Amino acid sequence: MEERGHVLKVLKNVKLALREQKYIEIKNLSNEITHQASIHQDPDLISVAVIIYSLSKLLERKNYKEQKNWERFYREYIQGIENLIKNLEKDDINGFRNQVNLIRKLIQGLSGKLKIYIQDIFRNAKINKASRIYEHGISMQKTAKILGVSVWELSEYTGKTGIGNVNLGITMPIRQRVKLAEEIFR
C-alpha cells in the first residue's frame, strides 16, 4: 500500500469522529481514501474506503442499534478499525489485509435482520465508492471489477447521480484557440 501514512491519518480521524458519532465527517474521510484509491487503484485502499463509508451509513441510521447483536457487532467493528490502525503503525501490511478480511467475515457471521441490513449497506457502499472512482476517470468496467459489483449496477447508480453526465463536446471558443496557437508558435 503506497499511501500508508495518509490512510493511517484518516483512520485515526475516523476513530476520533466515532467517539462523537460524527457520521458526516466519517463519510468525508471515506471520500479522502476513495480519492487515493482512484489514483493508485489499490484494492486495500478501496476496501478501507468501503469499510469507512459503511460505518458512516450505520451510524446515520439509528434503527440498526435496536437490532439483536448490534452492540457486539459494533464493538467488534470498532476494534477492527483500531486493529487496522495498529497494523499500519507497525507497517504490517499482511496484518492490515487480514484485518480487512476479518471485518468482512464479521459481517458475514451476523444473523437475522441485522445481517440483511448490514450486507445491504456494504453492497450499496461498494456501488457508491465505485461511482466515485469512476468519477475520477477509471473505466466503468475496471472499477466494477475492482469493487466486485456489476457494470449494470454501477451504470444504473451513476445514471441516477449524474456522475456520467459530462459533455465532452464543449470546446474552447475559436478566438481563444487561435490566440493559444499563436502563443505556442511565437
Protein backbone atom coordinates (compact mmCIF):
# COMPACT_ATOMS: atom_id res chain seq x y z
CA MET A 1 0.00 0.00 0.00
CA GLU A 2 1.60 3.19 -1.24
CA GLU A 3 -0.32 5.68 0.90
CA ARG A 4 0.19 4.07 4.30
CA GLY A 5 0.78 7.37 6.14
CA HIS A 6 -2.28 9.06 4.68
CA VAL A 7 -4.51 6.05 5.39
CA LEU A 8 -3.21 5.90 8.95
CA LYS A 9 -4.04 9.56 9.48
CA VAL A 10 -7.54 9.08 8.05
CA LEU A 11 -8.20 6.01 10.20
CA LYS A 12 -7.13 7.91 13.33
CA ASN A 13 -9.52 10.70 12.37
CA VAL A 14 -12.27 8.11 11.85
CA LYS A 15 -11.62 6.80 15.36
CA LEU A 16 -11.95 10.35 16.76
CA ALA A 17 -15.14 11.01 14.77
CA LEU A 18 -16.58 7.72 16.04
CA ARG A 19 -16.35 8.89 19.64
CA GLU A 20 -18.59 11.83 18.79
CA GLN A 21 -20.82 9.88 16.35
CA LYS A 22 -19.99 12.32 13.51
CA TYR A 23 -21.14 10.19 10.61
CA ILE A 24 -20.86 13.01 8.04
CA GLU A 25 -17.20 13.53 8.96
CA ILE A 26 -16.64 9.77 8.68
CA LYS A 27 -18.26 9.80 5.23
CA ASN A 28 -15.96 12.64 4.17
CA LEU A 29 -12.93 10.72 5.43
CA SER A 30 -14.06 7.79 3.30
CA ASN A 31 -14.07 10.10 0.29
CA GLU A 32 -10.44 11.03 1.02
CA ILE A 33 -9.49 7.36 0.87
CA THR A 34 -11.56 6.91 -2.29
CA HIS A 35 -9.61 9.71 -3.97
CA GLN A 36 -6.32 7.99 -3.11
CA ALA A 37 -7.73 4.63 -4.21
CA SER A 38 -8.61 6.04 -7.62
CA ILE A 39 -5.13 7.43 -8.09
CA HIS A 40 -3.31 4.25 -7.04
CA GLN A 41 -6.05 1.70 -7.85
CA ASP A 42 -5.05 -0.11 -4.68
CA PRO A 43 -7.56 -2.79 -3.57
CA ASP A 44 -6.56 -2.30 0.08
CA LEU A 45 -7.44 1.38 -0.10
CA ILE A 46 -10.72 0.59 -1.82
CA SER A 47 -11.62 -1.91 0.91
CA VAL A 48 -10.86 0.65 3.62
CA ALA A 49 -12.98 3.26 1.81
CA VAL A 50 -15.93 0.84 1.72
CA ILE A 51 -15.48 -0.10 5.38
CA ILE A 52 -15.37 3.53 6.49
CA TYR A 53 -18.29 4.60 4.30
CA SER A 54 -20.39 1.66 5.54
CA LEU A 55 -19.63 2.66 9.09
CA SER A 56 -20.90 6.19 8.42
CA LYS A 57 -24.12 4.78 7.00
CA LEU A 58 -24.59 2.51 10.01
CA LEU A 59 -24.20 5.43 12.39
CA GLU A 60 -26.51 7.58 10.30
CA ARG A 61 -29.41 5.14 10.61
CA LYS A 62 -30.34 4.80 14.24
CA ASN A 63 -32.73 1.85 13.73
CA TYR A 64 -29.83 -0.62 13.46
CA LYS A 65 -29.00 -0.06 17.10
CA GLU A 66 -32.29 -1.72 18.07
CA GLN A 67 -31.36 -5.00 16.36
CA LYS A 68 -30.27 -8.09 18.23
CA ASN A 69 -26.44 -8.43 18.40
CA TRP A 70 -25.90 -4.78 17.44
CA GLU A 71 -23.75 -3.95 20.50
CA ARG A 72 -21.42 -6.91 19.98
CA PHE A 73 -21.16 -6.26 16.24
CA TYR A 74 -20.44 -2.54 16.74
CA ARG A 75 -17.80 -3.24 19.40
CA GLU A 76 -16.03 -5.75 17.14
CA TYR A 77 -16.29 -3.39 14.15
CA ILE A 78 -14.65 -0.58 16.13
CA GLN A 79 -12.00 -3.00 17.37
CA GLY A 80 -11.37 -3.88 13.71
CA ILE A 81 -10.76 -0.20 12.89
CA GLU A 82 -8.36 0.04 15.84
CA ASN A 83 -6.54 -3.07 14.64
CA LEU A 84 -6.20 -1.56 11.15
CA ILE A 85 -4.51 1.44 12.78
CA LYS A 86 -2.18 -0.76 14.86
CA ASN A 87 -1.18 -2.81 11.82
CA LEU A 88 -0.38 0.31 9.79
CA GLU A 89 1.61 1.79 12.68
CA LYS A 90 3.73 -1.37 12.71
CA ASP A 91 3.91 -1.30 8.89
CA ASP A 92 2.32 -4.77 8.91
CA ILE A 93 0.54 -4.79 5.55
CA ASN A 94 -0.30 -8.50 5.78
CA GLY A 95 -1.85 -7.94 9.21
CA PHE A 96 -3.73 -4.99 7.75
CA ARG A 97 -5.11 -7.13 4.91
CA ASN A 98 -6.04 -9.89 7.34
CA GLN A 99 -7.93 -7.36 9.46
CA VAL A 100 -9.86 -6.12 6.43
CA ASN A 101 -10.87 -9.75 5.79
CA LEU A 102 -11.85 -10.20 9.45
CA ILE A 103 -14.15 -7.18 9.20
CA ARG A 104 -15.76 -8.75 6.13
CA LYS A 105 -16.16 -12.07 7.98
CA LEU A 106 -17.68 -10.20 10.92
CA ILE A 107 -20.46 -9.06 8.62
CA GLN A 108 -20.90 -12.47 7.05
CA GLY A 109 -21.16 -14.03 10.52
CA LEU A 110 -24.17 -11.96 11.51
CA SER A 111 -27.64 -13.40 11.56
CA GLY A 112 -31.22 -12.25 11.25
CA LYS A 113 -32.34 -8.80 10.18
CA LEU A 114 -29.07 -7.17 11.23
CA LYS A 115 -27.17 -9.31 8.73
CA ILE A 116 -29.54 -8.35 5.91
CA TYR A 117 -29.38 -4.65 6.81
CA ILE A 118 -25.60 -4.54 7.06
CA GLN A 119 -24.99 -6.62 3.93
CA ASP A 120 -27.25 -4.21 2.08
CA ILE A 121 -25.27 -1.24 3.40
CA PHE A 122 -21.97 -2.83 2.33
CA ARG A 123 -23.33 -3.59 -1.14
CA ASN A 124 -24.54 -0.02 -1.55
CA ALA A 125 -21.23 1.29 -0.16
CA LYS A 126 -19.33 -0.67 -2.80
CA ILE A 127 -21.50 0.79 -5.55
CA ASN A 128 -21.14 4.30 -4.12
CA LYS A 129 -17.35 4.04 -3.90
CA ALA A 130 -17.24 2.51 -7.39
CA SER A 131 -19.09 5.54 -8.72
CA ARG A 132 -16.61 7.88 -7.03
CA ILE A 133 -13.67 6.01 -8.52
CA TYR A 134 -15.36 6.07 -11.93
CA GLU A 135 -15.81 9.82 -11.46
CA HIS A 136 -12.01 10.08 -11.16
CA GLY A 137 -11.61 8.68 -14.67
CA ILE A 138 -11.13 4.93 -14.15
CA SER A 139 -13.16 2.93 -16.67
CA MET A 140 -16.53 1.63 -15.57
CA GLN A 141 -15.54 -1.96 -16.39
CA LYS A 142 -12.33 -1.80 -14.37
CA THR A 143 -13.99 -0.02 -11.46
CA ALA A 144 -16.81 -2.56 -11.31
CA LYS A 145 -14.32 -5.42 -11.36
CA ILE A 146 -12.13 -3.92 -8.61
CA LEU A 147 -15.10 -3.46 -6.28
CA GLY A 148 -16.94 -6.65 -7.15
CA VAL A 149 -20.09 -5.01 -8.46
CA SER A 150 -21.67 -5.43 -11.84
CA VAL A 151 -21.25 -2.87 -14.60
CA TRP A 152 -25.05 -2.75 -14.70
CA GLU A 153 -25.28 -1.74 -11.00
CA LEU A 154 -22.58 0.85 -11.44
CA SER A 155 -24.08 2.35 -14.59
CA GLU A 156 -27.54 2.45 -13.01
CA TYR A 157 -26.17 4.27 -9.96
CA THR A 158 -24.06 6.74 -11.94
CA GLY A 159 -27.07 7.41 -14.15
CA LYS A 160 -29.14 8.35 -11.09
CA THR A 161 -26.42 10.56 -9.61
CA GLY A 162 -25.41 12.26 -12.87
CA ILE A 163 -21.74 11.37 -12.46
CA GLY A 164 -21.57 10.20 -16.06
CA ASN A 165 -23.18 13.37 -17.44
CA VAL A 166 -20.10 15.04 -18.81
CA ASN A 167 -20.37 17.00 -22.02
CA LEU A 168 -17.20 16.16 -23.87
CA GLY A 169 -18.30 18.17 -26.90
CA ILE A 170 -17.68 21.53 -25.23
CA THR A 171 -14.56 23.11 -26.62
CA MET A 172 -12.73 26.37 -26.32
CA PRO A 173 -14.15 29.19 -28.48
CA ILE A 174 -12.37 29.64 -31.85
CA ARG A 175 -10.86 33.01 -30.92
CA GLN A 176 -9.27 31.53 -27.79
CA ARG A 177 -7.94 28.55 -29.76
CA VAL A 178 -6.37 30.83 -32.36
CA LYS A 179 -4.84 33.01 -29.66
CA LEU A 180 -3.46 29.93 -27.89
CA ALA A 181 -1.97 28.61 -31.16
CA GLU A 182 -0.33 32.00 -31.84
CA GLU A 183 1.22 32.00 -28.39
CA ILE A 184 2.57 28.49 -28.86
CA PHE A 185 4.28 29.33 -32.16
CA ARG A 186 5.85 32.63 -31.11
